[in-house]
Amino acid sequence: MNLLRLSIQQTLGQIGMQTQNASADMRSPRGQLSIEQHPAQMDFHSEPGELRIDSSAAWAALGSGPHMEWMNSIYSQAPGIALQGIARIVENGNRMAQIHNPRNAFAELAQNAFSNESSVQYVGPASNMNVKIQYEAKPAVTNIEARKADIQYTPMKPEIRYNPGRVDIYMRQMNSIDIQVTTYDWYK
């Protein structure tokens, strides 16, 4: 018996793709920078200090000071000298009253009567502190005027080159359907 046979064969379609990536080339040249700094304006001013030297005590110690001061120093010693003279007279009187002393009191007093010792101080005490020094420093006046820096910058445009990508799509294999009717012998 002859039968008909239907045979269907299908071929799938295949799509092919070929790509090329995009690329970018960038280059940025340096900008031009100019910096100019003017020096600051500076003004310094200092007044001279004051030096004071007082040597009046040194001159008085040497006996060469002003005449009135010298006379006042001698005059101020007069009460003390008078008291010392009275004390010496009392001491001499007490010595003469010592009759139990075997030495001759009048001879001793006569020897001391012509001594050249003066109790008046015509010069002052010698000291390294007689000269007084005083120094007064004056402050320095400082005036500084700062100047700003002059900065100039010129930027440069970047150089950009872009290469676009590409996609190629094509049919690698076409799709197809093959339908055939054939005879088929069952007993064969």
C-alpha atoms as a PDB file:
ATOM      1  CA  MET A   1       0.000   0.000   0.000  1.00  0.00           C
ATOM      2  CA  ASN A   2       1.306   3.324  -0.958  1.00  0.00           C
ATOM      3  CA  LEU A   3       0.850   6.091   1.496  1.00  0.00           C
ATOM      4  CA  LEU A   4       1.824   9.684   1.247  1.00  0.00           C
ATOM      5  CA  ARG A   5       4.269  11.054   3.626  1.00  0.00           C
ATOM      6  CA  LEU A   6       4.645  14.699   4.524  1.00  0.00           C
ATOM      7  CA  SER A   7       8.135  15.718   5.539  1.00  0.00           C
ATOM      8  CA  ILE A   8       8.903  19.184   6.775  1.00  0.00           C
ATOM      9  CA  GLN A   9      12.488  20.319   7.289  1.00  0.00           C
ATOM     10  CA  GLN A  10      13.247  23.662   8.786  1.00  0.00           C
ATOM     11  CA  THR A  11      16.510  25.556   8.710  1.00  0.00           C
ATOM     12  CA  LEU A  12      16.814  28.216  11.369  1.00  0.00           C
ATOM     13  CA  GLY A  13      18.059  31.630  10.455  1.00  0.00           C
ATOM     14  CA  GLN A  14      21.308  32.853  11.962  1.00  0.00           C
ATOM     15  CA  ILE A  15      22.164  36.502  12.391  1.00  0.00           C
ATOM     16  CA  GLY A  16      25.816  37.511  12.433  1.00  0.00           C
ATOM     17  CA  MET A  17      27.084  40.579  14.210  1.00  0.00           C
ATOM     18  CA  GLN A  18      30.466  42.226  13.905  1.00  0.00           C
ATOM     19  CA  THR A  19      31.253  45.144  16.257  1.00  0.00           C
ATOM     20  CA  GLN A  20      34.002  47.663  16.482  1.00  0.00           C
ATOM     21  CA  ASN A  21      34.238  49.564  19.811  1.00  0.00           C
ATOM     22  CA  ALA A  22      34.137  53.326  19.892  1.00  0.00           C
ATOM     23  CA  SER A  23      37.296  55.126  20.984  1.00  0.00           C
ATOM     24  CA  ALA A  24      38.045  58.573  22.288  1.00  0.00           C
ATOM     25  CA  ASP A  25      41.424  60.273  22.267  1.00  0.00           C
ATOM     26  CA  MET A  26      41.732  63.191  24.690  1.00  0.00           C
ATOM     27  CA  ARG A  27      44.681  65.476  25.129  1.00  0.00           C
ATOM     28  CA  SER A  28      44.677  68.502  27.428  1.00  0.00           C
ATOM     29  CA  PRO A  29      47.609  70.868  26.965  1.00  0.00           C
ATOM     30  CA  ARG A  30      48.714  72.799  30.011  1.00  0.00           C
ATOM     31  CA  GLY A  31      47.375  76.296  30.501  1.00  0.00           C
ATOM     32  CA  GLN A  32      49.630  79.318  30.704  1.00  0.00           C
ATOM     33  CA  LEU A  33      50.210  80.489  34.292  1.00  0.00           C
ATOM     34  CA  SER A  34      51.860  83.788  35.154  1.00  0.00           C
ATOM     35  CA  ILE A  35      52.445  84.810  38.782  1.00  0.00           C
ATOM     36  CA  GLU A  36      53.939  88.177  39.649  1.00  0.00           C
ATOM     37  CA  GLN A  37      54.551  89.176  43.270  1.00  0.00           C
ATOM     38  CA  HIS A  38      55.430  92.758  44.052  1.00  0.00           C
ATOM     39  CA  PRO A  39      57.525  93.217  47.198  1.00  0.00           C
ATOM     40  CA  ALA A  40      55.745  94.505  50.279  1.00  0.00           C
ATOM     41  CA  GLN A  41      56.239  98.119  51.307  1.00  0.00           C
ATOM     42  CA  MET A  42      58.092  98.113  54.638  1.00  0.00           C
ATOM     43  CA  ASP A  43      58.850 101.141  56.787  1.00  0.00           C
ATOM     44  CA  PHE A  44      60.774 100.831  60.046  1.00  0.00           C
ATOM     45  CA  HIS A  45      61.332 103.823  62.296  1.00  0.00           C
ATOM     46  CA  SER A  46      62.961 103.881  65.703  1.00  0.00           C
ATOM     47  CA  GLU A  47      63.588 106.916  67.843  1.00  0.00           C
ATOM     48  CA  PRO A  48      66.830 106.868  69.822  1.00  0.00           C
ATOM     49  CA  GLY A  49      66.524 105.834  73.448  1.00  0.00           C
ATOM     50  CA  GLU A  50      67.217 108.163  76.367  1.00  0.00           C
ATOM     51  CA  LEU A  51      70.310 107.574  78.487  1.00  0.00           C
ATOM     52  CA  ARG A  52      70.523 109.426  81.807  1.00  0.00           C
ATOM     53  CA  ILE A  53      73.738 109.385  83.844  1.00  0.00           C
ATOM     54  CA  ASP A  54      73.696 110.912  87.335  1.00  0.00           C
ATOM     55  CA  SER A  55      77.243 111.247  88.666  1.00  0.00           C
ATOM     56  CA  SER A  56      76.511 113.842  91.345  1.00  0.00           C
ATOM     57  CA  ALA A  57      77.091 111.296  94.148  1.00  0.00           C
ATOM     58  CA  ALA A  58      80.474 110.402  92.615  1.00  0.00           C
ATOM     59  CA  TRP A  59      81.516 114.060  92.460  1.00  0.00           C
ATOM     60  CA  ALA A  60      80.339 114.590  96.038  1.00  0.00           C
ATOM     61  CA  ALA A  61      82.384 111.555  97.113  1.00  0.00           C
ATOM     62  CA  LEU A  62      85.427 113.151  95.496  1.00  0.00           C
ATOM     63  CA  GLY A  63      84.696 116.507  97.138  1.00  0.00           C
ATOM     64  CA  SER A  64      84.243 118.205  93.773  1.00  0.00           C
ATOM     65  CA  GLY A  65      80.493 118.556  93.671  1.00  0.00           C
ATOM     66  CA  PRO A  66      78.526 121.806  93.653  1.00  0.00           C
ATOM     67  CA  HIS A  67      79.715 124.228  96.347  1.00  0.00           C
ATOM     68  CA  MET A  68      76.346 124.587  98.103  1.00  0.00           C
ATOM     69  CA  GLU A  69      75.903 120.835  98.421  1.00  0.00           C
ATOM     70  CA  TRP A  70      79.444 120.503  99.779  1.00  0.00           C
ATOM     71  CA  MET A  71      78.787 123.235 102.341  1.00  0.00           C
ATOM     72  CA  ASN A  72      75.453 121.669 103.319  1.00  0.00           C
ATOM     73  CA  SER A  73      77.140 118.312 103.906  1.00  0.00           C
ATOM     74  CA  ILE A  74      79.696 119.965 106.228  1.00  0.00           C
ATOM     75  CA  TYR A  75      76.954 121.985 107.937  1.00  0.00           C
ATOM     76  CA  SER A  76      74.855 118.867 108.505  1.00  0.00           C
ATOM     77  CA  GLN A  77      77.830 117.262 110.309  1.00  0.00           C
ATOM     78  CA  ALA A  78      78.149 120.185 112.799  1.00  0.00           C
ATOM     79  CA  PRO A  79      75.687 118.893 115.464  1.00  0.00           C
ATOM     80  CA  GLY A  80      77.393 115.512 115.525  1.00  0.00           C
ATOM     81  CA  ILE A  81      80.849 117.118 115.775  1.00  0.00           C
ATOM     82  CA  ALA A  82      79.653 119.330 118.657  1.00  0.00           C
ATOM     83  CA  LEU A  83      78.318 116.271 120.498  1.00  0.00           C
ATOM     84  CA  GLN A  84      81.595 114.443 119.895  1.00  0.00           C
ATOM     85  CA  GLY A  85      83.491 117.457 121.317  1.00  0.00           C
ATOM     86  CA  ILE A  86      81.304 117.472 124.427  1.00  0.00           C
ATOM     87  CA  ALA A  87      81.788 113.743 124.824  1.00  0.00           C
ATOM     88  CA  ARG A  88      85.582 114.193 124.593  1.00  0.00           C
ATOM     89  CA  ILE A  89      85.518 116.970 127.229  1.00  0.00           C
ATOM     90  CA  VAL A  90      83.492 114.694 129.548  1.00  0.00           C
ATOM     91  CA  GLU A  91      85.909 111.835 128.897  1.00  0.00           C
ATOM     92  CA  ASN A  92      88.901 114.088 129.644  1.00  0.00           C
ATOM     93  CA  GLY A  93      87.199 115.299 132.844  1.00  0.00           C
ATOM     94  CA  ASN A  94      86.573 111.724 133.911  1.00  0.00           C
ATOM     95  CA  ARG A  95      90.216 110.885 133.219  1.00  0.00           C
ATOM     96  CA  MET A  96      91.407 113.777 135.350  1.00  0.00           C
ATOM     97  CA  ALA A  97      89.062 112.679 138.131  1.00  0.00           C
ATOM     98  CA  GLN A  98      90.773 109.268 138.283  1.00  0.00           C
ATOM     99  CA  ILE A  99      93.257 110.045 141.012  1.00  0.00           C
ATOM    100  CA  HIS A 100      93.823 106.367 141.711  1.00  0.00           C
ATOM    101  CA  ASN A 101      95.414 105.976 138.221  1.00  0.00           C
ATOM    102  CA  PRO A 102      99.209 106.211 138.684  1.00  0.00           C
ATOM    103  CA  ARG A 103      99.861 107.700 135.228  1.00  0.00           C
ATOM    104  CA  ASN A 104      99.902 111.400 134.661  1.00  0.00           C
ATOM    105  CA  ALA A 105      96.479 112.386 133.250  1.00  0.00           C
ATOM    106  CA  PHE A 106      97.545 115.888 132.184  1.00  0.00           C
ATOM    107  CA  ALA A 107     100.464 114.563 130.119  1.00  0.00           C
ATOM    108  CA  GLU A 108      98.174 112.152 128.281  1.00  0.00           C
ATOM    109  CA  LEU A 109      95.621 114.865 127.624  1.00  0.00           C
ATOM    110  CA  ALA A 110      98.333 117.229 126.355  1.00  0.00           C
ATOM    111  CA  GLN A 111      99.584 114.622 123.855  1.00  0.00           C
ATOM    112  CA  ASN A 112      96.058 114.078 122.477  1.00  0.00           C
ATOM    113  CA  ALA A 113      95.260 117.814 122.376  1.00  0.00           C
ATOM    114  CA  PHE A 114      97.474 118.506 119.329  1.00  0.00           C
ATOM    115  CA  SER A 115      96.376 115.583 117.164  1.00  0.00           C
ATOM    116  CA  ASN A 116      95.347 116.582 113.627  1.00  0.00           C
ATOM    117  CA  GLU A 117      92.413 114.220 113.444  1.00  0.00           C
ATOM    118  CA  SER A 118      89.442 116.023 112.032  1.00  0.00           C
ATOM    119  CA  SER A 119      86.034 114.495 112.441  1.00  0.00           C
ATOM    120  CA  VAL A 120      84.618 116.583 109.580  1.00  0.00           C
ATOM    121  CA  GLN A 121      84.086 114.486 106.430  1.00  0.00           C
ATOM    122  CA  TYR A 122      84.953 116.651 103.443  1.00  0.00           C
ATOM    123  CA  VAL A 123      84.321 113.849 100.911  1.00  0.00           C
ATOM    124  CA  GLY A 124      81.527 111.317 100.637  1.00  0.00           C
ATOM    125  CA  PRO A 125      81.779 107.546 100.853  1.00  0.00           C
ATOM    126  CA  ALA A 126      83.447 105.883  97.880  1.00  0.00           C
ATOM    127  CA  SER A 127      81.204 103.313  96.170  1.00  0.00           C
ATOM    128  CA  ASN A 128      80.648 101.791  92.786  1.00  0.00           C
ATOM    129  CA  MET A 129      76.970 102.750  93.153  1.00  0.00           C
ATOM    130  CA  ASN A 130      77.706 106.515  93.144  1.00  0.00           C
ATOM    131  CA  VAL A 131      77.086 106.752  89.392  1.00  0.00           C
ATOM    132  CA  LYS A 132      73.452 106.019  88.529  1.00  0.00           C
ATOM    133  CA  ILE A 133      72.701 105.002  84.946  1.00  0.00           C
ATOM    134  CA  GLN A 134      69.158 104.859  83.591  1.00  0.00           C
ATOM    135  CA  TYR A 135      68.289 103.923  80.015  1.00  0.00           C
ATOM    136  CA  GLU A 136      64.802 104.221  78.532  1.00  0.00           C
ATOM    137  CA  ALA A 137      64.399 102.448  75.202  1.00  0.00           C
ATOM    138  CA  LYS A 138      61.907 103.786  72.671  1.00  0.00           C
ATOM    139  CA  PRO A 139      59.731 101.263  70.819  1.00  0.00           C
ATOM    140  CA  ALA A 140      60.324 100.650  67.135  1.00  0.00           C
ATOM    141  CA  VAL A 141      57.492 101.648  64.804  1.00  0.00           C
ATOM    142  CA  THR A 142      56.897  99.038  62.120  1.00  0.00           C
ATOM    143  CA  ASN A 143      54.605  99.638  59.143  1.00  0.00           C
ATOM    144  CA  ILE A 144      54.257  96.820  56.614  1.00  0.00           C
ATOM    145  CA  GLU A 145      51.911  97.168  53.639  1.00  0.00           C
ATOM    146  CA  ALA A 146      51.404  93.822  51.944  1.00  0.00           C
ATOM    147  CA  ARG A 147      50.916  93.620  48.191  1.00  0.00           C
ATOM    148  CA  LYS A 148      48.702  91.045  46.504  1.00  0.00           C
ATOM    149  CA  ALA A 149      50.078  88.579  44.028  1.00  0.00           C
ATOM    150  CA  ASP A 150      49.053  89.120  40.386  1.00  0.00           C
ATOM    151  CA  ILE A 151      48.000  85.710  39.041  1.00  0.00           C
ATOM    152  CA  GLN A 152      47.083  85.338  35.357  1.00  0.00           C
ATOM    153  CA  TYR A 153      45.918  81.968  34.040  1.00  0.00           C
ATOM    154  CA  THR A 154      44.971  81.230  30.441  1.00  0.00           C
ATOM    155  CA  PRO A 155      43.352  77.808  30.064  1.00  0.00           C
ATOM    156  CA  MET A 156      43.869  75.780  26.873  1.00  0.00           C
ATOM    157  CA  LYS A 157      40.983  73.905  25.276  1.00  0.00           C
ATOM    158  CA  PRO A 158      41.238  70.145  25.469  1.00  0.00           C
ATOM    159  CA  GLU A 159      41.712  68.325  22.179  1.00  0.00           C
ATOM    160  CA  ILE A 160      39.137  65.534  21.891  1.00  0.00           C
ATOM    161  CA  ARG A 161      38.942  63.105  18.963  1.00  0.00           C
ATOM    162  CA  TYR A 162      36.065  60.636  18.954  1.00  0.00           C
ATOM    163  CA  ASN A 163      36.023  57.585  16.701  1.00  0.00           C
ATOM    164  CA  PRO A 164      32.499  56.165  16.715  1.00  0.00           C
ATOM    165  CA  GLY A 165      31.965  52.451  17.029  1.00  0.00           C
ATOM    166  CA  ARG A 166      30.245  50.372  14.416  1.00  0.00           C
ATOM    167  CA  VAL A 167      27.954  47.341  14.392  1.00  0.00           C
ATOM    168  CA  ASP A 168      27.550  45.285  11.193  1.00  0.00           C
ATOM    169  CA  ILE A 169      24.565  42.966  11.276  1.00  0.00           C
ATOM    170  CA  TYR A 170      24.214  40.411   8.510  1.00  0.00           C
ATOM    171  CA  MET A 171      22.458  37.122   7.868  1.00  0.00           C
ATOM    172  CA  ARG A 172      24.883  34.312   8.351  1.00  0.00           C
ATOM    173  CA  GLN A 173      22.317  31.689   7.414  1.00  0.00           C
ATOM    174  CA  MET A 174      18.923  32.303   5.865  1.00  0.00           C
ATOM    175  CA  ASN A 175      15.916  30.614   7.386  1.00  0.00           C
ATOM    176  CA  SER A 176      14.025  28.181   5.279  1.00  0.00           C
ATOM    177  CA  ILE A 177      11.198  25.616   5.419  1.00  0.00           C
ATOM    178  CA  ASP A 178      11.300  22.630   3.081  1.00  0.00           C
ATOM    179  CA  ILE A 179       7.967  20.841   2.796  1.00  0.00           C
ATOM    180  CA  GLN A 180       7.887  17.647   0.679  1.00  0.00           C
ATOM    181  CA  VAL A 181       5.249  15.094   0.070  1.00  0.00           C
ATOM    182  CA  THR A 182       6.671  11.691  -0.792  1.00  0.00           C
ATOM    183  CA  THR A 183       5.228   8.312  -1.254  1.00  0.00           C
ATOM    184  CA  TYR A 184       5.781   5.828   1.362  1.00  0.00           C
ATOM    185  CA  ASP A 185       5.346   2.136   1.049  1.00  0.00           C
ATOM    186  CA  TRP A 186       4.313   0.732   4.299  1.00  0.00           C
ATOM    187  CA  TYR A 187       5.416  -2.784   3.488  1.00  0.00           C
ATOM    188  CA  LYS A 188       8.633  -2.047   2.045  1.00  0.00           C
END
